[in-house]
């Protein structure tokens, strides 16, 4: 199967990493700063530019949309994994703050579920017949 748009994605990814490294060096950080975000902005910008000029075939446009949808969750998961490993090496404060944040989210969801409910919300649901 031919996956269209891969070359465009690869170009944007490499350019984003390069520009992120340059930005990191410019601000004095010894790491890539915003390379993935720059890559996504480049991908969106190039896709729009090529589409306006009529240089983007329909198959390639579909491939770019596919890779754009796949790229964000994969990169976010990779970055989150690195952040968790680095945080756990930092000590127990990171673990306590993660558990606290999860608990606060659970409480907020429970409160919003109860507050947002009105009498008409459940009235439309079918009720089981009583025997």
Protein backbone atom coordinates (compact mmCIF):
# COMPACT_ATOMS: atom_id res chain seq x y z
CA UNK A 1 0.00 0.00 0.00
CA UNK A 2 1.32 3.42 -0.91
CA UNK A 3 1.05 5.92 1.89
CA UNK A 4 0.84 9.38 0.37
CA UNK A 5 2.17 12.43 2.12
CA UNK A 6 5.00 10.63 3.93
CA UNK A 7 7.74 12.66 2.27
CA UNK A 8 5.99 15.92 3.17
CA UNK A 9 5.62 14.77 6.77
CA UNK A 10 9.27 13.67 6.94
CA UNK A 11 10.46 17.01 5.58
CA UNK A 12 8.33 18.94 8.08
CA UNK A 13 9.48 16.72 10.94
CA UNK A 14 13.18 17.13 10.15
CA UNK A 15 12.81 20.87 9.57
CA UNK A 16 10.89 21.22 12.84
CA UNK A 17 13.54 19.32 14.79
CA UNK A 18 16.29 21.45 13.24
CA UNK A 19 14.48 24.71 13.98
CA UNK A 20 13.63 23.50 17.51
CA UNK A 21 17.32 22.79 18.15
CA UNK A 22 18.23 26.25 16.84
CA UNK A 23 15.60 27.85 19.07
CA UNK A 24 16.87 25.90 22.07
CA UNK A 25 20.44 27.03 21.39
CA UNK A 26 19.28 30.63 20.94
CA UNK A 27 17.64 30.75 24.37
CA UNK A 28 20.47 28.86 26.08
CA UNK A 29 18.69 25.53 26.57
CA UNK A 30 20.57 22.41 25.57
CA UNK A 31 17.45 20.74 24.22
CA UNK A 32 14.95 20.91 21.39
CA UNK A 33 12.38 23.60 22.11
CA UNK A 34 9.10 23.30 20.25
CA UNK A 35 10.37 21.16 17.39
CA UNK A 36 7.24 19.04 17.20
CA UNK A 37 4.98 22.08 17.28
CA UNK A 38 7.04 23.77 14.59
CA UNK A 39 6.81 20.59 12.49
CA UNK A 40 3.02 20.50 12.80
CA UNK A 41 2.73 24.18 11.87
CA UNK A 42 4.98 23.58 8.85
CA UNK A 43 2.87 20.59 7.81
CA UNK A 44 -0.35 22.60 8.05
CA UNK A 45 1.16 25.58 6.25
CA UNK A 46 2.67 23.53 3.43
CA UNK A 47 -0.54 21.56 2.98
CA UNK A 48 -2.57 24.77 2.66
CA UNK A 49 -0.02 26.34 0.31
CA UNK A 50 0.15 23.31 -1.98
CA UNK A 51 -3.64 22.94 -1.96
CA UNK A 52 -4.19 26.58 -2.96
CA UNK A 53 -1.77 26.27 -5.87
CA UNK A 54 -3.34 23.01 -7.03
CA UNK A 55 -0.11 21.06 -6.52
CA UNK A 56 -1.57 18.64 -3.98
CA UNK A 57 -3.33 15.60 -5.48
CA UNK A 58 -6.38 14.27 -3.63
CA UNK A 59 -4.56 11.08 -2.57
CA UNK A 60 -1.66 13.05 -1.12
CA UNK A 61 -4.06 15.38 0.69
CA UNK A 62 -5.76 12.35 2.27
CA UNK A 63 -2.36 10.95 3.25
CA UNK A 64 -1.31 14.22 4.84
CA UNK A 65 -4.58 14.34 6.78
CA UNK A 66 -3.97 10.77 7.96
CA UNK A 67 -0.43 11.50 9.09
CA UNK A 68 -1.52 14.75 10.72
CA UNK A 69 -4.10 12.84 12.74
CA UNK A 70 -1.61 10.11 13.70
CA UNK A 71 1.35 12.37 14.39
CA UNK A 72 -0.03 14.34 17.30
CA UNK A 73 -1.12 11.43 19.57
CA UNK A 74 2.07 9.47 18.94
CA UNK A 75 4.36 12.40 19.70
CA UNK A 76 2.34 13.44 22.75
CA UNK A 77 2.55 9.88 24.10
CA UNK A 78 6.31 9.81 23.54
CA UNK A 79 6.79 13.17 25.25
CA UNK A 80 4.57 12.16 28.16
CA UNK A 81 6.60 8.99 28.64
CA UNK A 82 9.83 10.99 28.82
CA UNK A 83 8.30 13.47 31.26
CA UNK A 84 7.11 10.68 33.57
CA UNK A 85 10.53 9.02 33.65
CA UNK A 86 12.26 12.34 34.34
CA UNK A 87 9.73 13.27 37.02
CA UNK A 88 10.00 9.97 38.86
CA UNK A 89 13.77 10.33 38.96
CA UNK A 90 13.21 13.72 40.60
CA UNK A 91 11.60 12.28 43.74
CA UNK A 92 8.28 11.51 45.39
CA UNK A 93 6.86 15.02 44.94
CA UNK A 94 6.12 14.28 41.29
CA UNK A 95 4.25 11.10 42.21
CA UNK A 96 2.24 12.88 44.92
CA UNK A 97 1.33 15.73 42.59
CA UNK A 98 0.24 13.27 39.87
CA UNK A 99 -2.01 11.39 42.29
CA UNK A 100 -3.38 14.68 43.61
CA UNK A 101 -4.12 15.97 40.10
CA UNK A 102 -5.90 12.73 39.20
CA UNK A 103 -7.97 12.91 42.40
CA UNK A 104 -8.96 16.53 41.73
CA UNK A 105 -10.02 15.60 38.17
CA UNK A 106 -12.11 12.70 39.47
CA UNK A 107 -13.85 14.94 42.00
CA UNK A 108 -14.52 17.63 39.37
CA UNK A 109 -16.02 15.07 37.00
CA UNK A 110 -18.27 13.71 39.74
CA UNK A 111 -19.43 17.19 40.73
CA UNK A 112 -20.09 18.24 37.13
CA UNK A 113 -22.01 15.03 36.46
CA UNK A 114 -24.32 15.71 39.40
CA UNK A 115 -24.72 19.44 38.89
CA UNK A 116 -25.29 19.21 35.13
CA UNK A 117 -28.14 16.73 35.47
CA UNK A 118 -31.73 17.98 35.36
CA UNK A 119 -35.13 16.29 35.49
CA UNK A 120 -35.44 15.99 31.71
CA UNK A 121 -32.06 14.33 31.16
CA UNK A 122 -33.11 10.87 32.29
CA UNK A 123 -36.82 11.20 31.42
CA UNK A 124 -36.27 10.26 27.77
CA UNK A 125 -34.51 6.99 28.61
CA UNK A 126 -36.60 3.81 28.39
CA UNK A 127 -37.45 2.42 31.79
CA UNK A 128 -37.41 -1.30 32.54
CA UNK A 129 -40.88 -2.73 32.94
CA UNK A 130 -41.82 -3.84 36.39
CA UNK A 131 -43.23 -7.37 36.78
